[in-house]
Amino acid sequence: MLKGLGGLGDMAGMMKKAQEMQTKMAEMQEDLQNVMVTGESGAGLVKATATAKGELTALDIDPSIFNGDDKEVVEDLILAAIKDAQVKASEKAQEEMGKLTEGLGLPAGMKLPF
């Protein structure tokens, strides 16, 4: 179809792929808002739930950890659970991005967005 245009035919194909990728990335970003991950600390005494985009949505604390002067321990457990949820959210987002780049024929491990 665009053979007489030399390299411009390839450019049109690249632009089409770029538009497809942009559309799929927007869809994936929206989907990540609906994927939930849960981070834990203290053998499950504190659980933090977040979206795969890293937005904290819930915090579940077992009441047994509220004993006397353990305020610093409780705070540490809460922070650890939140950090665990954030790591899992990041990993899930990278996993989903990998599926997207794989489907577009891009090299494995390619970081997107640019």
C-alpha atoms as a PDB file:
ATOM      1  CA  MET A   1       0.000   0.000   0.000  1.00  0.00           C
ATOM      2  CA  LEU A   2       2.750   2.440   0.914  1.00  0.00           C
ATOM      3  CA  LYS A   3       5.585   0.685  -0.898  1.00  0.00           C
ATOM      4  CA  GLY A   4       6.398   3.662  -3.113  1.00  0.00           C
ATOM      5  CA  LEU A   5       7.040   5.836  -0.081  1.00  0.00           C
ATOM      6  CA  GLY A   6      10.132   3.988   1.090  1.00  0.00           C
ATOM      7  CA  GLY A   7      10.666   4.335   4.844  1.00  0.00           C
ATOM      8  CA  LEU A   8       7.414   6.242   5.302  1.00  0.00           C
ATOM      9  CA  GLY A   9       5.435   2.991   5.130  1.00  0.00           C
ATOM     10  CA  ASP A  10       7.388   1.741   8.121  1.00  0.00           C
ATOM     11  CA  MET A  11       6.769   5.038   9.882  1.00  0.00           C
ATOM     12  CA  ALA A  12       3.009   4.670   9.390  1.00  0.00           C
ATOM     13  CA  GLY A  13       3.166   1.168  10.863  1.00  0.00           C
ATOM     14  CA  MET A  14       5.195   2.423  13.814  1.00  0.00           C
ATOM     15  CA  MET A  15       2.712   5.231  14.440  1.00  0.00           C
ATOM     16  CA  LYS A  16      -0.165   2.762  14.383  1.00  0.00           C
ATOM     17  CA  LYS A  17       1.632   0.513  16.886  1.00  0.00           C
ATOM     18  CA  ALA A  18       2.370   3.540  19.091  1.00  0.00           C
ATOM     19  CA  GLN A  19      -1.309   4.494  19.095  1.00  0.00           C
ATOM     20  CA  GLU A  20      -2.293   0.919  19.940  1.00  0.00           C
ATOM     21  CA  MET A  21       0.224   0.878  22.774  1.00  0.00           C
ATOM     22  CA  GLN A  22      -1.058   4.203  24.104  1.00  0.00           C
ATOM     23  CA  THR A  23      -4.631   2.892  24.107  1.00  0.00           C
ATOM     24  CA  LYS A  24      -3.628  -0.365  25.801  1.00  0.00           C
ATOM     25  CA  MET A  25      -1.557   1.512  28.412  1.00  0.00           C
ATOM     26  CA  ALA A  26      -4.536   3.724  29.265  1.00  0.00           C
ATOM     27  CA  GLU A  27      -6.727   0.632  29.628  1.00  0.00           C
ATOM     28  CA  MET A  28      -4.104  -1.065  31.779  1.00  0.00           C
ATOM     29  CA  GLN A  29      -3.777   1.993  34.048  1.00  0.00           C
ATOM     30  CA  GLU A  30      -7.533   1.935  34.554  1.00  0.00           C
ATOM     31  CA  ASP A  31      -7.490  -1.805  35.240  1.00  0.00           C
ATOM     32  CA  LEU A  32      -4.704  -1.416  37.825  1.00  0.00           C
ATOM     33  CA  GLN A  33      -7.049   0.762  39.856  1.00  0.00           C
ATOM     34  CA  ASN A  34      -9.318  -2.291  40.262  1.00  0.00           C
ATOM     35  CA  VAL A  35      -6.616  -4.874  41.087  1.00  0.00           C
ATOM     36  CA  MET A  36      -6.074  -5.245  44.838  1.00  0.00           C
ATOM     37  CA  VAL A  37      -2.965  -6.458  46.661  1.00  0.00           C
ATOM     38  CA  THR A  38      -2.524  -7.076  50.383  1.00  0.00           C
ATOM     39  CA  GLY A  39       0.644  -6.516  52.374  1.00  0.00           C
ATOM     40  CA  GLU A  40       1.165  -8.050  55.797  1.00  0.00           C
ATOM     41  CA  SER A  41       3.382  -7.713  58.828  1.00  0.00           C
ATOM     42  CA  GLY A  42       3.598  -9.349  62.224  1.00  0.00           C
ATOM     43  CA  ALA A  43       2.578 -12.732  60.805  1.00  0.00           C
ATOM     44  CA  GLY A  44      -0.688 -11.276  59.549  1.00  0.00           C
ATOM     45  CA  LEU A  45      -1.516  -9.165  62.604  1.00  0.00           C
ATOM     46  CA  VAL A  46      -1.522  -6.063  60.412  1.00  0.00           C
ATOM     47  CA  LYS A  47      -2.776  -6.134  56.829  1.00  0.00           C
ATOM     48  CA  ALA A  48      -2.763  -3.249  54.372  1.00  0.00           C
ATOM     49  CA  THR A  49      -4.768  -3.456  51.149  1.00  0.00           C
ATOM     50  CA  ALA A  50      -3.934  -1.260  48.171  1.00  0.00           C
ATOM     51  CA  THR A  51      -4.715  -0.984  44.496  1.00  0.00           C
ATOM     52  CA  ALA A  52      -2.034  -2.133  42.067  1.00  0.00           C
ATOM     53  CA  LYS A  53      -1.453   1.592  41.469  1.00  0.00           C
ATOM     54  CA  GLY A  54      -0.355   1.858  45.126  1.00  0.00           C
ATOM     55  CA  GLU A  55      -3.394   3.623  46.603  1.00  0.00           C
ATOM     56  CA  LEU A  56      -4.033   2.387  50.152  1.00  0.00           C
ATOM     57  CA  THR A  57      -7.671   1.297  50.464  1.00  0.00           C
ATOM     58  CA  ALA A  58      -7.886  -0.597  53.765  1.00  0.00           C
ATOM     59  CA  LEU A  59      -5.997  -1.336  56.929  1.00  0.00           C
ATOM     60  CA  ASP A  60      -6.852  -4.321  59.154  1.00  0.00           C
ATOM     61  CA  ILE A  61      -5.265  -4.451  62.610  1.00  0.00           C
ATOM     62  CA  ASP A  62      -5.712  -7.402  64.953  1.00  0.00           C
ATOM     63  CA  PRO A  63      -6.779  -5.965  68.332  1.00  0.00           C
ATOM     64  CA  SER A  64      -4.371  -8.246  70.185  1.00  0.00           C
ATOM     65  CA  ILE A  65      -1.441  -5.975  69.287  1.00  0.00           C
ATOM     66  CA  PHE A  66      -2.771  -3.098  71.406  1.00  0.00           C
ATOM     67  CA  ASN A  67      -1.089  -3.962  74.684  1.00  0.00           C
ATOM     68  CA  GLY A  68       0.132  -1.250  77.035  1.00  0.00           C
ATOM     69  CA  ASP A  69       3.312   0.470  75.939  1.00  0.00           C
ATOM     70  CA  ASP A  70       3.662  -1.212  72.535  1.00  0.00           C
ATOM     71  CA  LYS A  71       2.846   1.963  70.600  1.00  0.00           C
ATOM     72  CA  GLU A  72       6.140   1.945  68.660  1.00  0.00           C
ATOM     73  CA  VAL A  73       5.783  -1.745  67.792  1.00  0.00           C
ATOM     74  CA  VAL A  74       2.254  -1.153  66.489  1.00  0.00           C
ATOM     75  CA  GLU A  75       3.429   1.816  64.403  1.00  0.00           C
ATOM     76  CA  ASP A  76       6.286  -0.252  62.978  1.00  0.00           C
ATOM     77  CA  LEU A  77       3.927  -3.107  62.091  1.00  0.00           C
ATOM     78  CA  ILE A  78       1.535  -0.707  60.360  1.00  0.00           C
ATOM     79  CA  LEU A  79       4.339   0.883  58.336  1.00  0.00           C
ATOM     80  CA  ALA A  80       5.736  -2.531  57.418  1.00  0.00           C
ATOM     81  CA  ALA A  81       2.336  -3.728  56.175  1.00  0.00           C
ATOM     82  CA  ILE A  82       1.853  -0.571  54.104  1.00  0.00           C
ATOM     83  CA  LYS A  83       5.340  -0.868  52.600  1.00  0.00           C
ATOM     84  CA  ASP A  84       4.693  -4.534  51.791  1.00  0.00           C
ATOM     85  CA  ALA A  85       1.452  -3.594  50.030  1.00  0.00           C
ATOM     86  CA  GLN A  86       3.264  -0.884  48.057  1.00  0.00           C
ATOM     87  CA  VAL A  87       5.965  -3.327  46.944  1.00  0.00           C
ATOM     88  CA  LYS A  88       3.333  -5.844  45.868  1.00  0.00           C
ATOM     89  CA  ALA A  89       1.442  -3.096  44.019  1.00  0.00           C
ATOM     90  CA  SER A  90       4.591  -2.105  42.154  1.00  0.00           C
ATOM     91  CA  GLU A  91       5.365  -5.726  41.281  1.00  0.00           C
ATOM     92  CA  LYS A  92       1.811  -6.272  40.017  1.00  0.00           C
ATOM     93  CA  ALA A  93       1.970  -3.116  37.898  1.00  0.00           C
ATOM     94  CA  GLN A  94       5.291  -4.244  36.387  1.00  0.00           C
ATOM     95  CA  GLU A  95       3.841  -7.690  35.721  1.00  0.00           C
ATOM     96  CA  GLU A  96       0.867  -6.174  33.893  1.00  0.00           C
ATOM     97  CA  MET A  97       3.157  -3.809  31.965  1.00  0.00           C
ATOM     98  CA  GLY A  98       5.257  -6.809  30.938  1.00  0.00           C
ATOM     99  CA  LYS A  99       2.175  -8.489  29.512  1.00  0.00           C
ATOM    100  CA  LEU A 100       1.412  -5.329  27.536  1.00  0.00           C
ATOM    101  CA  THR A 101       4.904  -4.940  26.082  1.00  0.00           C
ATOM    102  CA  GLU A 102       5.083  -8.649  25.290  1.00  0.00           C
ATOM    103  CA  GLY A 103       1.828  -8.412  23.355  1.00  0.00           C
ATOM    104  CA  LEU A 104       3.203  -5.524  21.312  1.00  0.00           C
ATOM    105  CA  GLY A 105       6.391  -7.362  20.404  1.00  0.00           C
ATOM    106  CA  LEU A 106       8.632  -5.056  22.457  1.00  0.00           C
ATOM    107  CA  PRO A 107      11.774  -6.423  24.127  1.00  0.00           C
ATOM    108  CA  ALA A 108      11.311  -8.141  27.489  1.00  0.00           C
ATOM    109  CA  GLY A 109      12.182  -5.914  30.431  1.00  0.00           C
ATOM    110  CA  MET A 110      11.588  -2.715  28.498  1.00  0.00           C
ATOM    111  CA  LYS A 111      10.526  -0.030  30.972  1.00  0.00           C
ATOM    112  CA  LEU A 112       7.348   1.862  30.101  1.00  0.00           C
ATOM    113  CA  PRO A 113       6.218   4.562  30.085  1.00  0.00           C
ATOM    114  CA  PHE A 114       9.329   6.047  28.560  1.00  0.00           C
END
